[in-house]
Structure formats: structure tokens, C-alpha cells
Amino acid sequence: MIVGIPRETKPGEKRVAMSPANVKFWCDKGTQILLEGGAGDSAGFPDADYVAVGAKICPSRTEIFATADIILQVQSFGANNVNGDDDLALLRKGQVVAGMMDPLGSPQAAQKIAPTGAT
């Protein structure tokens, strides 16, 4: 399983989806963690801290979304009403996103990802 952690893009957001201690826990269990370069900087976690516990640093946000099975974000589209739609365009069918999305505050974001019709 590959987990991707992109840099937060909502203005003013300083958190990151996982600390190096969380990343170490999952890497020790065999999970591959991809982190967008600089994702932890605002939270006080430099890339070197993540590399030291087993994460791989990716220079491209596009690479994170193209490779990861699961995307972890603090504020995903819906909750990030400033530029969250940019990430929506990068999602693949079947990919899991874990992060705040605020479907009641931004119902249009929920509608964009809701399945239509029977499968």
C-alpha cells in the first residue's frame, strides 16, 4: 500500500497529515509513504525527519496523486475552498482520500465526487 501526503495548499494551513512518528509507525508495518517535498515544513518537520524514518520525498504533487493508493490531507477539497479543486482534478477512480472535506458546508464539492448511476 502506498500512502501519499501532499503539501497543504489552503492559505494559512500550517498542519501536515502525519508527523514523522506516525510515518515511522506505518513504514515499520510495510507501508510505503510518499511525501511532497516541504509538506511538513510549516508544522516544524523538515523533509530529513521523514526520510530518516522511511518516507520517500517526491518533488511533484502530481507524482503523489498519480502513485498513491491513499491520499492524506488535513484540508482536502470542500474544506479547502480556495484551491481544493486543483487536487480534485488529480484524483483517480478508486483512490481513497482521508482529510477534512466539509460536505455540508460545501455540498457542491461532495456532488463532484459522488458516484452517478448504478455500477
N, C-alpha and C. Protein backbone atom coordinates (compact mmCIF):
# COMPACT_ATOMS: atom_id res chain seq x y z
N MET A 1 0.84 -1.17 0.00
CA MET A 1 0.00 0.00 0.00
C MET A 1 0.89 1.24 0.00
N ILE A 2 0.50 2.22 -0.78
CA ILE A 2 1.25 3.47 -0.88
C ILE A 2 0.37 4.61 -0.39
N VAL A 3 0.86 5.34 0.59
CA VAL A 3 0.16 6.49 1.15
C VAL A 3 0.90 7.75 0.71
N GLY A 4 0.15 8.71 0.18
CA GLY A 4 0.73 9.96 -0.26
C GLY A 4 0.30 11.12 0.63
N ILE A 5 1.25 11.96 0.98
CA ILE A 5 0.97 13.13 1.81
C ILE A 5 1.42 14.37 1.05
N PRO A 6 0.48 15.05 0.41
CA PRO A 6 0.84 16.28 -0.30
C PRO A 6 0.95 17.46 0.67
N ARG A 7 1.62 18.48 0.23
CA ARG A 7 1.72 19.73 0.98
C ARG A 7 0.33 20.35 1.05
N GLU A 8 -0.02 20.94 2.18
CA GLU A 8 -1.31 21.63 2.31
C GLU A 8 -1.26 22.92 1.49
N THR A 9 -2.34 23.21 0.80
CA THR A 9 -2.34 24.37 -0.08
C THR A 9 -3.30 25.48 0.35
N LYS A 10 -4.17 25.21 1.31
CA LYS A 10 -5.08 26.27 1.76
C LYS A 10 -4.28 27.34 2.49
N PRO A 11 -4.44 28.59 2.11
CA PRO A 11 -3.70 29.67 2.78
C PRO A 11 -3.91 29.64 4.29
N GLY A 12 -2.80 29.74 5.02
CA GLY A 12 -2.85 29.77 6.48
C GLY A 12 -2.78 28.41 7.15
N GLU A 13 -2.93 27.32 6.38
CA GLU A 13 -2.89 25.98 6.97
C GLU A 13 -1.44 25.60 7.23
N LYS A 14 -1.12 25.34 8.50
CA LYS A 14 0.26 25.01 8.88
C LYS A 14 0.44 23.55 9.29
N ARG A 15 -0.64 22.80 9.33
CA ARG A 15 -0.55 21.40 9.75
C ARG A 15 -0.14 20.50 8.58
N VAL A 16 0.26 19.28 8.93
CA VAL A 16 0.58 18.25 7.95
C VAL A 16 -0.17 16.99 8.39
N ALA A 17 -0.54 16.15 7.44
CA ALA A 17 -1.39 15.00 7.73
C ALA A 17 -0.75 13.96 8.66
N MET A 18 0.58 13.84 8.65
CA MET A 18 1.27 12.89 9.53
C MET A 18 2.58 13.49 10.01
N SER A 19 2.88 13.22 11.26
CA SER A 19 4.19 13.59 11.81
C SER A 19 5.19 12.49 11.45
N PRO A 20 6.48 12.76 11.60
CA PRO A 20 7.46 11.69 11.37
C PRO A 20 7.23 10.46 12.24
N ALA A 21 6.76 10.63 13.47
CA ALA A 21 6.49 9.48 14.34
C ALA A 21 5.39 8.60 13.75
N ASN A 22 4.33 9.23 13.21
CA ASN A 22 3.26 8.47 12.55
C ASN A 22 3.79 7.74 11.33
N VAL A 23 4.62 8.42 10.55
CA VAL A 23 5.19 7.83 9.34
C VAL A 23 6.05 6.62 9.70
N LYS A 24 6.84 6.74 10.75
CA LYS A 24 7.68 5.62 11.18
C LYS A 24 6.83 4.40 11.52
N PHE A 25 5.74 4.62 12.25
CA PHE A 25 4.85 3.53 12.63
C PHE A 25 4.38 2.77 11.38
N TRP A 26 3.91 3.50 10.38
CA TRP A 26 3.38 2.86 9.18
C TRP A 26 4.48 2.26 8.30
N CYS A 27 5.61 2.93 8.20
CA CYS A 27 6.73 2.35 7.44
C CYS A 27 7.21 1.05 8.07
N ASP A 28 7.23 1.00 9.41
CA ASP A 28 7.63 -0.22 10.11
C ASP A 28 6.67 -1.38 9.82
N LYS A 29 5.45 -1.07 9.42
CA LYS A 29 4.45 -2.09 9.09
C LYS A 29 4.47 -2.45 7.61
N GLY A 30 5.37 -1.83 6.84
CA GLY A 30 5.50 -2.15 5.43
C GLY A 30 4.77 -1.21 4.48
N THR A 31 4.19 -0.15 5.00
CA THR A 31 3.50 0.82 4.16
C THR A 31 4.52 1.76 3.55
N GLN A 32 4.40 2.03 2.28
CA GLN A 32 5.27 3.00 1.61
C GLN A 32 4.63 4.38 1.75
N ILE A 33 5.40 5.34 2.24
CA ILE A 33 4.90 6.71 2.42
C ILE A 33 5.64 7.63 1.46
N LEU A 34 4.86 8.35 0.65
CA LEU A 34 5.39 9.37 -0.25
C LEU A 34 4.98 10.73 0.29
N LEU A 35 5.93 11.61 0.44
CA LEU A 35 5.66 12.93 0.99
C LEU A 35 6.10 13.98 -0.01
N GLU A 36 5.21 14.92 -0.29
CA GLU A 36 5.61 16.01 -1.18
C GLU A 36 6.66 16.85 -0.45
N GLY A 37 7.73 17.18 -1.14
CA GLY A 37 8.79 17.98 -0.54
C GLY A 37 8.26 19.22 0.13
N GLY A 38 8.65 19.44 1.38
CA GLY A 38 8.23 20.62 2.13
C GLY A 38 6.89 20.48 2.83
N ALA A 39 6.25 19.33 2.73
CA ALA A 39 4.91 19.17 3.31
C ALA A 39 4.87 19.40 4.82
N GLY A 40 5.94 19.07 5.50
CA GLY A 40 5.95 19.22 6.96
C GLY A 40 6.61 20.49 7.46
N ASP A 41 7.16 21.28 6.57
CA ASP A 41 7.92 22.47 6.98
C ASP A 41 7.14 23.41 7.90
N SER A 42 5.92 23.75 7.54
CA SER A 42 5.13 24.71 8.33
C SER A 42 4.76 24.15 9.70
N ALA A 43 4.75 22.82 9.82
CA ALA A 43 4.43 22.18 11.09
C ALA A 43 5.69 21.91 11.92
N GLY A 44 6.86 22.30 11.39
CA GLY A 44 8.10 22.11 12.12
C GLY A 44 8.80 20.79 11.87
N PHE A 45 8.42 20.09 10.79
CA PHE A 45 9.02 18.80 10.46
C PHE A 45 9.70 18.90 9.10
N PRO A 46 11.03 19.04 9.06
CA PRO A 46 11.73 19.10 7.76
C PRO A 46 11.72 17.74 7.06
N ASP A 47 11.92 17.78 5.76
CA ASP A 47 11.95 16.55 4.96
C ASP A 47 12.90 15.50 5.53
N ALA A 48 14.04 15.94 6.04
CA ALA A 48 15.03 15.00 6.57
C ALA A 48 14.46 14.14 7.70
N ASP A 49 13.56 14.69 8.51
CA ASP A 49 12.95 13.92 9.59
C ASP A 49 12.10 12.78 9.04
N TYR A 50 11.43 13.03 7.93
CA TYR A 50 10.60 12.00 7.30
C TYR A 50 11.46 10.94 6.61
N VAL A 51 12.50 11.37 5.94
CA VAL A 51 13.40 10.43 5.27
C VAL A 51 14.05 9.51 6.30
N ALA A 52 14.41 10.07 7.45
CA ALA A 52 15.07 9.28 8.50
C ALA A 52 14.21 8.13 9.01
N VAL A 53 12.88 8.24 8.87
CA VAL A 53 12.00 7.18 9.36
C VAL A 53 11.40 6.34 8.24
N GLY A 54 11.85 6.58 6.99
CA GLY A 54 11.47 5.70 5.89
C GLY A 54 10.62 6.27 4.79
N ALA A 55 10.22 7.53 4.87
CA ALA A 55 9.42 8.12 3.80
C ALA A 55 10.29 8.47 2.60
N LYS A 56 9.65 8.53 1.45
CA LYS A 56 10.32 8.97 0.24
C LYS A 56 9.78 10.36 -0.08
N ILE A 57 10.67 11.29 -0.38
CA ILE A 57 10.27 12.65 -0.73
C ILE A 57 10.07 12.73 -2.24
N CYS A 58 8.92 13.25 -2.64
CA CYS A 58 8.59 13.44 -4.06
C CYS A 58 8.59 14.93 -4.36
N PRO A 59 9.24 15.34 -5.42
CA PRO A 59 9.27 16.76 -5.75
C PRO A 59 7.98 17.26 -6.38
N SER A 60 7.12 16.35 -6.80
CA SER A 60 5.94 16.74 -7.57
C SER A 60 4.65 16.30 -6.89
N ARG A 61 3.73 17.22 -6.72
CA ARG A 61 2.40 16.91 -6.20
C ARG A 61 1.68 15.93 -7.13
N THR A 62 1.88 16.13 -8.42
CA THR A 62 1.27 15.25 -9.41
C THR A 62 1.74 13.82 -9.21
N GLU A 63 3.01 13.61 -8.91
CA GLU A 63 3.54 12.26 -8.67
C GLU A 63 2.88 11.62 -7.45
N ILE A 64 2.65 12.39 -6.41
CA ILE A 64 1.98 11.87 -5.21
C ILE A 64 0.60 11.32 -5.59
N PHE A 65 -0.19 12.14 -6.27
CA PHE A 65 -1.54 11.74 -6.64
C PHE A 65 -1.55 10.60 -7.66
N ALA A 66 -0.58 10.57 -8.56
CA ALA A 66 -0.53 9.53 -9.58
C ALA A 66 -0.11 8.18 -9.02
N THR A 67 0.62 8.17 -7.91
CA THR A 67 1.21 6.95 -7.38
C THR A 67 0.49 6.37 -6.18
N ALA A 68 0.00 7.22 -5.29
CA ALA A 68 -0.53 6.76 -4.00
C ALA A 68 -1.90 6.12 -4.13
N ASP A 69 -2.12 5.09 -3.32
CA ASP A 69 -3.43 4.45 -3.20
C ASP A 69 -4.34 5.28 -2.29
N ILE A 70 -3.73 5.90 -1.29
CA ILE A 70 -4.44 6.71 -0.31
C ILE A 70 -3.77 8.08 -0.23
N ILE A 71 -4.56 9.13 -0.26
CA ILE A 71 -4.06 10.50 -0.09
C ILE A 71 -4.50 10.97 1.28
N LEU A 72 -3.54 11.44 2.08
CA LEU A 72 -3.85 12.00 3.40
C LEU A 72 -3.65 13.51 3.34
N GLN A 73 -4.68 14.24 3.74
CA GLN A 73 -4.60 15.69 3.78
C GLN A 73 -5.30 16.18 5.03
N VAL A 74 -4.90 17.34 5.50
CA VAL A 74 -5.61 17.97 6.60
C VAL A 74 -6.89 18.59 6.04
N GLN A 75 -6.75 19.44 5.02
CA GLN A 75 -7.91 20.09 4.40
C GLN A 75 -7.95 19.75 2.92
N SER A 76 -8.81 18.82 2.61
CA SER A 76 -8.97 18.40 1.23
C SER A 76 -9.99 19.31 0.54
N PHE A 77 -10.28 19.00 -0.73
CA PHE A 77 -11.27 19.80 -1.44
C PHE A 77 -12.57 19.79 -0.63
N GLY A 78 -13.32 20.83 -0.73
CA GLY A 78 -14.51 21.02 0.11
C GLY A 78 -14.17 21.84 1.32
N ALA A 79 -13.23 21.37 2.14
CA ALA A 79 -12.76 22.16 3.28
C ALA A 79 -11.78 23.23 2.80
N ASN A 80 -11.07 22.93 1.73
CA ASN A 80 -10.17 23.91 1.12
C ASN A 80 -10.91 24.54 -0.06
N ASN A 81 -11.69 25.56 0.25
CA ASN A 81 -12.50 26.18 -0.79
C ASN A 81 -11.74 27.23 -1.59
N VAL A 82 -10.47 27.41 -1.29
CA VAL A 82 -9.64 28.37 -2.02
C VAL A 82 -9.08 27.74 -3.29
N ASN A 83 -8.45 26.58 -3.14
CA ASN A 83 -7.82 25.94 -4.30
C ASN A 83 -7.90 24.41 -4.26
N GLY A 84 -8.86 23.89 -3.51
CA GLY A 84 -9.02 22.45 -3.39
C GLY A 84 -9.41 21.75 -4.67
N ASP A 85 -10.07 22.47 -5.58
CA ASP A 85 -10.46 21.85 -6.84
C ASP A 85 -9.24 21.43 -7.67
N ASP A 86 -8.10 22.05 -7.43
CA ASP A 86 -6.88 21.66 -8.14
C ASP A 86 -6.54 20.19 -7.83
N ASP A 87 -6.73 19.79 -6.55
CA ASP A 87 -6.48 18.40 -6.17
C ASP A 87 -7.55 17.47 -6.72
N LEU A 88 -8.76 17.93 -6.77
CA LEU A 88 -9.84 17.11 -7.29
C LEU A 88 -9.53 16.64 -8.71
N ALA A 89 -8.92 17.50 -9.48
CA ALA A 89 -8.56 17.15 -10.86
C ALA A 89 -7.47 16.07 -10.91
N LEU A 90 -6.71 15.90 -9.83
CA LEU A 90 -5.62 14.92 -9.80
C LEU A 90 -6.05 13.54 -9.31
N LEU A 91 -7.24 13.44 -8.72
CA LEU A 91 -7.69 12.17 -8.16
C LEU A 91 -7.98 11.14 -9.24
N ARG A 92 -7.73 9.88 -8.89
CA ARG A 92 -8.04 8.77 -9.78
C ARG A 92 -9.23 7.98 -9.23
N LYS A 93 -9.95 7.33 -10.10
CA LYS A 93 -11.05 6.47 -9.67
C LYS A 93 -10.50 5.39 -8.75
N GLY A 94 -11.17 5.15 -7.63
CA GLY A 94 -10.75 4.12 -6.68
C GLY A 94 -9.74 4.59 -5.65
N GLN A 95 -9.22 5.79 -5.81
CA GLN A 95 -8.26 6.32 -4.86
C GLN A 95 -9.00 6.78 -3.60
N VAL A 96 -8.41 6.56 -2.44
CA VAL A 96 -9.01 6.96 -1.17
C VAL A 96 -8.39 8.28 -0.74
N VAL A 97 -9.24 9.19 -0.26
CA VAL A 97 -8.77 10.45 0.29
C VAL A 97 -9.23 10.52 1.73
N ALA A 98 -8.31 10.75 2.64
CA ALA A 98 -8.64 10.93 4.05
C ALA A 98 -8.22 12.35 4.43
N GLY A 99 -9.20 13.14 4.78
CA GLY A 99 -8.96 14.52 5.17
C GLY A 99 -10.28 15.22 5.37
N MET A 100 -10.24 16.39 5.97
CA MET A 100 -11.48 17.15 6.16
C MET A 100 -12.00 17.62 4.81
N MET A 101 -13.30 17.42 4.58
CA MET A 101 -13.89 17.79 3.30
C MET A 101 -15.12 18.67 3.44
N ASP A 102 -15.75 18.73 4.59
CA ASP A 102 -16.90 19.59 4.87
C ASP A 102 -18.01 19.45 3.83
N PRO A 103 -18.59 18.25 3.67
CA PRO A 103 -19.61 18.06 2.64
C PRO A 103 -20.89 18.87 2.88
N LEU A 104 -21.19 19.21 4.13
CA LEU A 104 -22.39 20.00 4.39
C LEU A 104 -22.14 21.49 4.13
N GLY A 105 -20.92 21.94 4.38
CA GLY A 105 -20.58 23.33 4.11
C GLY A 105 -20.29 23.60 2.65
N SER A 106 -19.88 22.56 1.94
CA SER A 106 -19.57 22.67 0.50
C SER A 106 -20.22 21.51 -0.24
N PRO A 107 -21.55 21.49 -0.33
CA PRO A 107 -22.21 20.35 -0.99
C PRO A 107 -21.81 20.19 -2.45
N GLN A 108 -21.42 21.27 -3.10
CA GLN A 108 -21.01 21.16 -4.50
C GLN A 108 -19.74 20.31 -4.62
N ALA A 109 -18.86 20.35 -3.64
CA ALA A 109 -17.65 19.51 -3.67
C ALA A 109 -18.03 18.05 -3.53
N ALA A 110 -18.97 17.74 -2.64
CA ALA A 110 -19.42 16.36 -2.47
C ALA A 110 -20.08 15.85 -3.74
N GLN A 111 -20.83 16.70 -4.41
CA GLN A 111 -21.50 16.29 -5.64
C GLN A 111 -20.49 15.97 -6.74
N LYS A 112 -19.37 16.65 -6.75
CA LYS A 112 -18.36 16.41 -7.79
C LYS A 112 -17.76 15.02 -7.70
N ILE A 113 -17.73 14.45 -6.50
CA ILE A 113 -17.11 13.13 -6.34
C ILE A 113 -18.13 12.02 -6.13
N ALA A 114 -19.40 12.38 -5.98
CA ALA A 114 -20.43 11.36 -5.74
C ALA A 114 -20.60 10.50 -6.99
N PRO A 115 -20.70 9.19 -6.80
CA PRO A 115 -20.93 8.32 -7.96
C PRO A 115 -22.31 8.60 -8.56
N THR A 116 -22.40 8.43 -9.84
CA THR A 116 -23.68 8.62 -10.51
C THR A 116 -24.11 7.31 -11.14
N GLY A 117 -25.37 6.97 -10.99
CA GLY A 117 -25.90 5.77 -11.60
C GLY A 117 -25.45 4.51 -10.89
N ALA A 118 -25.95 3.39 -11.36
CA ALA A 118 -25.58 2.10 -10.81
C ALA A 118 -24.26 1.63 -11.38
N THR A 119 -23.51 0.90 -10.58
CA THR A 119 -22.23 0.38 -11.06
C THR A 119 -22.31 -1.09 -11.35
